[in-house]
Amino acid sequence: MDLGSLGEWLNALIAACALFLAWQAGKQAKQLYQNDRRREREQQALRQKQDAVRFSVWIAAEKGKIYSWGIVLNNVSERPLYNLVVCGDYAGKHGERVPFAYSETRLLPPGRFFIPKNCDDTLPYAFKYPEIYDENKIQPLLVTKKHRIISVSFTDSDGLQWQADDKGNLQRTNPT
């Protein structure tokens, strides 16, 4: 084997090593890119869910008033929510479950509001106008079998639609 041929083999070996190292670097760069994209998607999903998890609903009664109850809407996010629908039921006079739905709130600003139930069935609306929540006048009914929230749905400020069930399980309802 002459010296020229040995140099060619050495150059080919060096080129093959360089090609292998470039392939490994490309593979590593692709993996880093995919990890960054996954982390970005996870962070975006967390940001999107922030407003949704900062909203809650519960049943409350007005202190000192018999048969006076309503729902509390608690939006502690910094942005409004839209197209709110609260579905539930309560025990009727004869023990039967009476369904109710509240869907009059098209825009819910940040804050806590109490919406009293109309006890007069002859009125056209099941609920009265929302009031600012006053903890001196309102008693939460956190352990009641007479009143239940079954589902809550709304749209957040990003246009994402959310729904929560009676156990508080929150999920997006519109596709990504």
C-alpha atoms as a PDB file:
ATOM      1  CA  MET A   1       0.000   0.000   0.000  1.00  0.00           C
ATOM      2  CA  ASP A   2       1.473   3.285  -1.012  1.00  0.00           C
ATOM      3  CA  LEU A   3       1.409   6.513   0.952  1.00  0.00           C
ATOM      4  CA  GLY A   4      -1.109   8.261  -1.378  1.00  0.00           C
ATOM      5  CA  SER A   5      -3.641   5.474  -0.975  1.00  0.00           C
ATOM      6  CA  LEU A   6      -3.231   5.517   2.803  1.00  0.00           C
ATOM      7  CA  GLY A   7      -3.925   9.273   2.825  1.00  0.00           C
ATOM      8  CA  GLU A   8      -7.112   8.745   0.822  1.00  0.00           C
ATOM      9  CA  TRP A   9      -8.296   6.096   3.281  1.00  0.00           C
ATOM     10  CA  LEU A  10      -7.463   8.390   6.188  1.00  0.00           C
ATOM     11  CA  ASN A  11      -9.391  11.267   4.565  1.00  0.00           C
ATOM     12  CA  ALA A  12     -12.371   8.964   3.958  1.00  0.00           C
ATOM     13  CA  LEU A  13     -12.267   7.813   7.579  1.00  0.00           C
ATOM     14  CA  ILE A  14     -12.121  11.413   8.845  1.00  0.00           C
ATOM     15  CA  ALA A  15     -15.013  12.382   6.535  1.00  0.00           C
ATOM     16  CA  ALA A  16     -17.075   9.411   7.776  1.00  0.00           C
ATOM     17  CA  CYS A  17     -16.395  10.410  11.394  1.00  0.00           C
ATOM     18  CA  ALA A  18     -17.350  14.009  10.653  1.00  0.00           C
ATOM     19  CA  LEU A  19     -20.536  12.844   8.942  1.00  0.00           C
ATOM     20  CA  PHE A  20     -21.394  10.597  11.899  1.00  0.00           C
ATOM     21  CA  LEU A  21     -20.801  13.438  14.388  1.00  0.00           C
ATOM     22  CA  ALA A  22     -22.921  15.821  12.272  1.00  0.00           C
ATOM     23  CA  TRP A  23     -25.728  13.224  12.193  1.00  0.00           C
ATOM     24  CA  GLN A  24     -25.526  12.849  15.995  1.00  0.00           C
ATOM     25  CA  ALA A  25     -25.587  16.638  16.473  1.00  0.00           C
ATOM     26  CA  GLY A  26     -28.626  16.916  14.179  1.00  0.00           C
ATOM     27  CA  LYS A  27     -30.392  14.157  16.091  1.00  0.00           C
ATOM     28  CA  GLN A  28     -29.641  15.938  19.394  1.00  0.00           C
ATOM     29  CA  ALA A  29     -30.840  19.292  18.013  1.00  0.00           C
ATOM     30  CA  LYS A  30     -34.083  17.693  16.813  1.00  0.00           C
ATOM     31  CA  GLN A  31     -34.662  16.173  20.274  1.00  0.00           C
ATOM     32  CA  LEU A  32     -34.023  19.543  21.977  1.00  0.00           C
ATOM     33  CA  TYR A  33     -36.416  21.253  19.545  1.00  0.00           C
ATOM     34  CA  GLN A  34     -39.129  18.650  20.215  1.00  0.00           C
ATOM     35  CA  ASN A  35     -38.652  19.018  23.989  1.00  0.00           C
ATOM     36  CA  ASP A  36     -38.939  22.818  23.720  1.00  0.00           C
ATOM     37  CA  ARG A  37     -42.106  22.530  21.607  1.00  0.00           C
ATOM     38  CA  ARG A  38     -43.642  20.088  24.116  1.00  0.00           C
ATOM     39  CA  ARG A  39     -42.776  22.401  27.026  1.00  0.00           C
ATOM     40  CA  GLU A  40     -44.231  25.350  25.100  1.00  0.00           C
ATOM     41  CA  ARG A  41     -47.500  23.460  24.480  1.00  0.00           C
ATOM     42  CA  GLU A  42     -47.712  22.467  28.161  1.00  0.00           C
ATOM     43  CA  GLN A  43     -47.136  26.063  29.279  1.00  0.00           C
ATOM     44  CA  GLN A  44     -49.731  27.323  26.796  1.00  0.00           C
ATOM     45  CA  ALA A  45     -52.254  24.779  28.097  1.00  0.00           C
ATOM     46  CA  LEU A  46     -51.548  25.927  31.669  1.00  0.00           C
ATOM     47  CA  ARG A  47     -51.957  29.601  30.675  1.00  0.00           C
ATOM     48  CA  GLN A  48     -55.214  28.782  28.904  1.00  0.00           C
ATOM     49  CA  LYS A  49     -56.552  26.945  31.936  1.00  0.00           C
ATOM     50  CA  GLN A  50     -55.600  29.698  34.420  1.00  0.00           C
ATOM     51  CA  ASP A  51     -58.770  31.777  33.946  1.00  0.00           C
ATOM     52  CA  ALA A  52     -60.966  28.689  33.913  1.00  0.00           C
ATOM     53  CA  VAL A  53     -59.667  27.313  37.214  1.00  0.00           C
ATOM     54  CA  ARG A  54     -60.108  30.712  38.866  1.00  0.00           C
ATOM     55  CA  PHE A  55     -63.879  30.505  38.505  1.00  0.00           C
ATOM     56  CA  SER A  56     -66.234  28.714  40.876  1.00  0.00           C
ATOM     57  CA  VAL A  57     -69.969  28.429  41.558  1.00  0.00           C
ATOM     58  CA  TRP A  58     -71.841  27.406  44.687  1.00  0.00           C
ATOM     59  CA  ILE A  59     -75.263  27.588  46.299  1.00  0.00           C
ATOM     60  CA  ALA A  60     -75.919  30.148  49.043  1.00  0.00           C
ATOM     61  CA  ALA A  61     -78.847  31.440  51.091  1.00  0.00           C
ATOM     62  CA  GLU A  62     -79.706  34.909  52.268  1.00  0.00           C
ATOM     63  CA  LYS A  63     -79.296  35.093  56.045  1.00  0.00           C
ATOM     64  CA  GLY A  64     -82.529  35.630  57.957  1.00  0.00           C
ATOM     65  CA  LYS A  65     -84.795  34.844  55.000  1.00  0.00           C
ATOM     66  CA  ILE A  66     -86.742  31.608  54.747  1.00  0.00           C
ATOM     67  CA  TYR A  67     -86.668  29.813  51.374  1.00  0.00           C
ATOM     68  CA  SER A  68     -84.361  32.449  49.932  1.00  0.00           C
ATOM     69  CA  TRP A  69     -81.444  30.901  48.087  1.00  0.00           C
ATOM     70  CA  GLY A  70     -79.418  31.497  44.969  1.00  0.00           C
ATOM     71  CA  ILE A  71     -76.136  30.836  43.243  1.00  0.00           C
ATOM     72  CA  VAL A  72     -72.786  32.526  43.806  1.00  0.00           C
ATOM     73  CA  LEU A  73     -70.534  33.221  40.830  1.00  0.00           C
ATOM     74  CA  ASN A  74     -66.925  33.714  41.885  1.00  0.00           C
ATOM     75  CA  ASN A  75     -64.548  34.945  39.154  1.00  0.00           C
ATOM     76  CA  VAL A  76     -61.153  35.642  40.735  1.00  0.00           C
ATOM     77  CA  SER A  77     -59.294  35.812  37.430  1.00  0.00           C
ATOM     78  CA  GLU A  78     -58.286  39.186  36.041  1.00  0.00           C
ATOM     79  CA  ARG A  79     -60.380  38.800  32.896  1.00  0.00           C
ATOM     80  CA  PRO A  80     -64.107  38.385  32.231  1.00  0.00           C
ATOM     81  CA  LEU A  81     -65.880  35.154  31.324  1.00  0.00           C
ATOM     82  CA  TYR A  82     -68.672  34.853  28.775  1.00  0.00           C
ATOM     83  CA  ASN A  83     -71.859  32.893  28.033  1.00  0.00           C
ATOM     84  CA  LEU A  84     -72.208  31.340  31.469  1.00  0.00           C
ATOM     85  CA  VAL A  85     -74.669  28.465  31.917  1.00  0.00           C
ATOM     86  CA  VAL A  86     -75.264  26.921  35.364  1.00  0.00           C
ATOM     87  CA  CYS A  87     -77.476  23.832  35.593  1.00  0.00           C
ATOM     88  CA  GLY A  88     -78.639  22.196  38.780  1.00  0.00           C
ATOM     89  CA  ASP A  89     -81.630  21.040  40.746  1.00  0.00           C
ATOM     90  CA  TYR A  90     -83.245  21.480  44.140  1.00  0.00           C
ATOM     91  CA  ALA A  91     -85.737  19.632  46.307  1.00  0.00           C
ATOM     92  CA  GLY A  92     -89.331  20.645  45.562  1.00  0.00           C
ATOM     93  CA  LYS A  93     -92.133  20.957  48.080  1.00  0.00           C
ATOM     94  CA  HIS A  94     -92.996  17.272  47.778  1.00  0.00           C
ATOM     95  CA  GLY A  95     -89.409  15.964  47.703  1.00  0.00           C
ATOM     96  CA  GLU A  96     -89.172  15.801  43.914  1.00  0.00           C
ATOM     97  CA  ARG A  97     -86.035  17.137  42.188  1.00  0.00           C
ATOM     98  CA  VAL A  98     -86.769  20.388  40.332  1.00  0.00           C
ATOM     99  CA  PRO A  99     -84.228  21.267  37.641  1.00  0.00           C
ATOM    100  CA  PHE A 100     -83.018  24.820  37.125  1.00  0.00           C
ATOM    101  CA  ALA A 101     -80.776  26.554  34.617  1.00  0.00           C
ATOM    102  CA  TYR A 102     -79.239  29.994  34.830  1.00  0.00           C
ATOM    103  CA  SER A 103     -77.974  31.380  31.517  1.00  0.00           C
ATOM    104  CA  GLU A 104     -78.685  35.114  31.653  1.00  0.00           C
ATOM    105  CA  THR A 105     -75.055  36.171  32.222  1.00  0.00           C
ATOM    106  CA  ARG A 106     -73.433  36.882  28.881  1.00  0.00           C
ATOM    107  CA  LEU A 107     -70.423  38.655  30.460  1.00  0.00           C
ATOM    108  CA  LEU A 108     -69.135  37.985  33.960  1.00  0.00           C
ATOM    109  CA  PRO A 109     -66.510  40.505  35.099  1.00  0.00           C
ATOM    110  CA  PRO A 110     -63.987  39.649  37.792  1.00  0.00           C
ATOM    111  CA  GLY A 111     -65.634  39.600  41.218  1.00  0.00           C
ATOM    112  CA  ARG A 112     -68.095  37.655  43.362  1.00  0.00           C
ATOM    113  CA  PHE A 113     -71.826  37.889  42.687  1.00  0.00           C
ATOM    114  CA  PHE A 114     -74.971  36.433  44.243  1.00  0.00           C
ATOM    115  CA  ILE A 115     -77.956  35.675  42.019  1.00  0.00           C
ATOM    116  CA  PRO A 116     -81.096  35.124  44.140  1.00  0.00           C
ATOM    117  CA  LYS A 117     -83.640  32.536  43.004  1.00  0.00           C
ATOM    118  CA  ASN A 118     -87.150  33.862  42.356  1.00  0.00           C
ATOM    119  CA  CYS A 119     -89.443  32.070  44.791  1.00  0.00           C
ATOM    120  CA  ASP A 120     -92.479  33.329  42.892  1.00  0.00           C
ATOM    121  CA  ASP A 121     -93.087  30.832  40.066  1.00  0.00           C
ATOM    122  CA  THR A 122     -95.390  33.256  38.255  1.00  0.00           C
ATOM    123  CA  LEU A 123     -92.479  35.563  37.349  1.00  0.00           C
ATOM    124  CA  PRO A 124     -90.954  35.105  33.881  1.00  0.00           C
ATOM    125  CA  TYR A 125     -87.388  34.621  35.122  1.00  0.00           C
ATOM    126  CA  ALA A 126     -86.193  31.890  37.473  1.00  0.00           C
ATOM    127  CA  PHE A 127     -83.517  34.159  38.977  1.00  0.00           C
ATOM    128  CA  LYS A 128     -83.334  37.817  39.980  1.00  0.00           C
ATOM    129  CA  TYR A 129     -80.652  40.293  38.932  1.00  0.00           C
ATOM    130  CA  PRO A 130     -77.101  39.604  40.147  1.00  0.00           C
ATOM    131  CA  GLU A 131     -75.979  41.413  43.293  1.00  0.00           C
ATOM    132  CA  ILE A 132     -72.505  42.056  44.656  1.00  0.00           C
ATOM    133  CA  TYR A 133     -71.729  39.275  47.142  1.00  0.00           C
ATOM    134  CA  ASP A 134     -71.966  40.487  50.740  1.00  0.00           C
ATOM    135  CA  GLU A 135     -70.697  37.888  53.208  1.00  0.00           C
ATOM    136  CA  ASN A 136     -72.648  39.602  55.996  1.00  0.00           C
ATOM    137  CA  LYS A 137     -75.920  38.862  54.182  1.00  0.00           C
ATOM    138  CA  ILE A 138     -75.130  35.591  52.391  1.00  0.00           C
ATOM    139  CA  GLN A 139     -74.528  32.142  53.907  1.00  0.00           C
ATOM    140  CA  PRO A 140     -72.858  29.522  51.667  1.00  0.00           C
ATOM    141  CA  LEU A 141     -74.751  26.212  51.574  1.00  0.00           C
ATOM    142  CA  LEU A 142     -71.724  24.008  51.146  1.00  0.00           C
ATOM    143  CA  VAL A 143     -73.230  20.874  52.710  1.00  0.00           C
ATOM    144  CA  THR A 144     -76.761  20.670  51.368  1.00  0.00           C
ATOM    145  CA  LYS A 145     -78.688  17.852  49.753  1.00  0.00           C
ATOM    146  CA  LYS A 146     -81.569  20.125  48.832  1.00  0.00           C
ATOM    147  CA  HIS A 147     -79.644  22.135  46.219  1.00  0.00           C
ATOM    148  CA  ARG A 148     -77.081  20.888  43.680  1.00  0.00           C
ATOM    149  CA  ILE A 149     -75.000  22.353  40.907  1.00  0.00           C
ATOM    150  CA  ILE A 150     -74.844  19.686  38.199  1.00  0.00           C
ATOM    151  CA  SER A 151     -72.829  21.449  35.500  1.00  0.00           C
ATOM    152  CA  VAL A 152     -71.298  24.799  34.646  1.00  0.00           C
ATOM    153  CA  SER A 153     -70.162  25.903  31.212  1.00  0.00           C
ATOM    154  CA  PHE A 154     -68.609  29.156  30.006  1.00  0.00           C
ATOM    155  CA  THR A 155     -66.240  30.728  27.502  1.00  0.00           C
ATOM    156  CA  ASP A 156     -63.032  32.382  28.676  1.00  0.00           C
ATOM    157  CA  SER A 157     -61.477  35.574  27.291  1.00  0.00           C
ATOM    158  CA  ASP A 158     -59.409  33.573  24.794  1.00  0.00           C
ATOM    159  CA  GLY A 159     -62.579  32.080  23.270  1.00  0.00           C
ATOM    160  CA  LEU A 160     -61.971  28.654  24.797  1.00  0.00           C
ATOM    161  CA  GLN A 161     -65.080  26.845  26.019  1.00  0.00           C
ATOM    162  CA  TRP A 162     -65.044  25.026  29.336  1.00  0.00           C
ATOM    163  CA  GLN A 163     -67.370  22.724  31.241  1.00  0.00           C
ATOM    164  CA  ALA A 164     -67.277  21.478  34.826  1.00  0.00           C
ATOM    165  CA  ASP A 165     -69.369  18.649  36.230  1.00  0.00           C
ATOM    166  CA  ASP A 166     -70.903  18.243  39.691  1.00  0.00           C
ATOM    167  CA  LYS A 167     -67.555  16.995  41.041  1.00  0.00           C
ATOM    168  CA  GLY A 168     -65.671  20.056  39.766  1.00  0.00           C
ATOM    169  CA  ASN A 169     -63.892  18.214  36.953  1.00  0.00           C
ATOM    170  CA  LEU A 170     -63.013  20.897  34.412  1.00  0.00           C
ATOM    171  CA  GLN A 171     -62.401  20.207  30.733  1.00  0.00           C
ATOM    172  CA  ARG A 172     -62.251  22.072  27.450  1.00  0.00           C
ATOM    173  CA  THR A 173     -65.208  21.451  25.178  1.00  0.00           C
ATOM    174  CA  ASN A 174     -64.046  23.082  21.944  1.00  0.00           C
ATOM    175  CA  PRO A 175     -61.243  21.589  19.845  1.00  0.00           C
ATOM    176  CA  THR A 176     -57.733  23.020  19.965  1.00  0.00           C
END
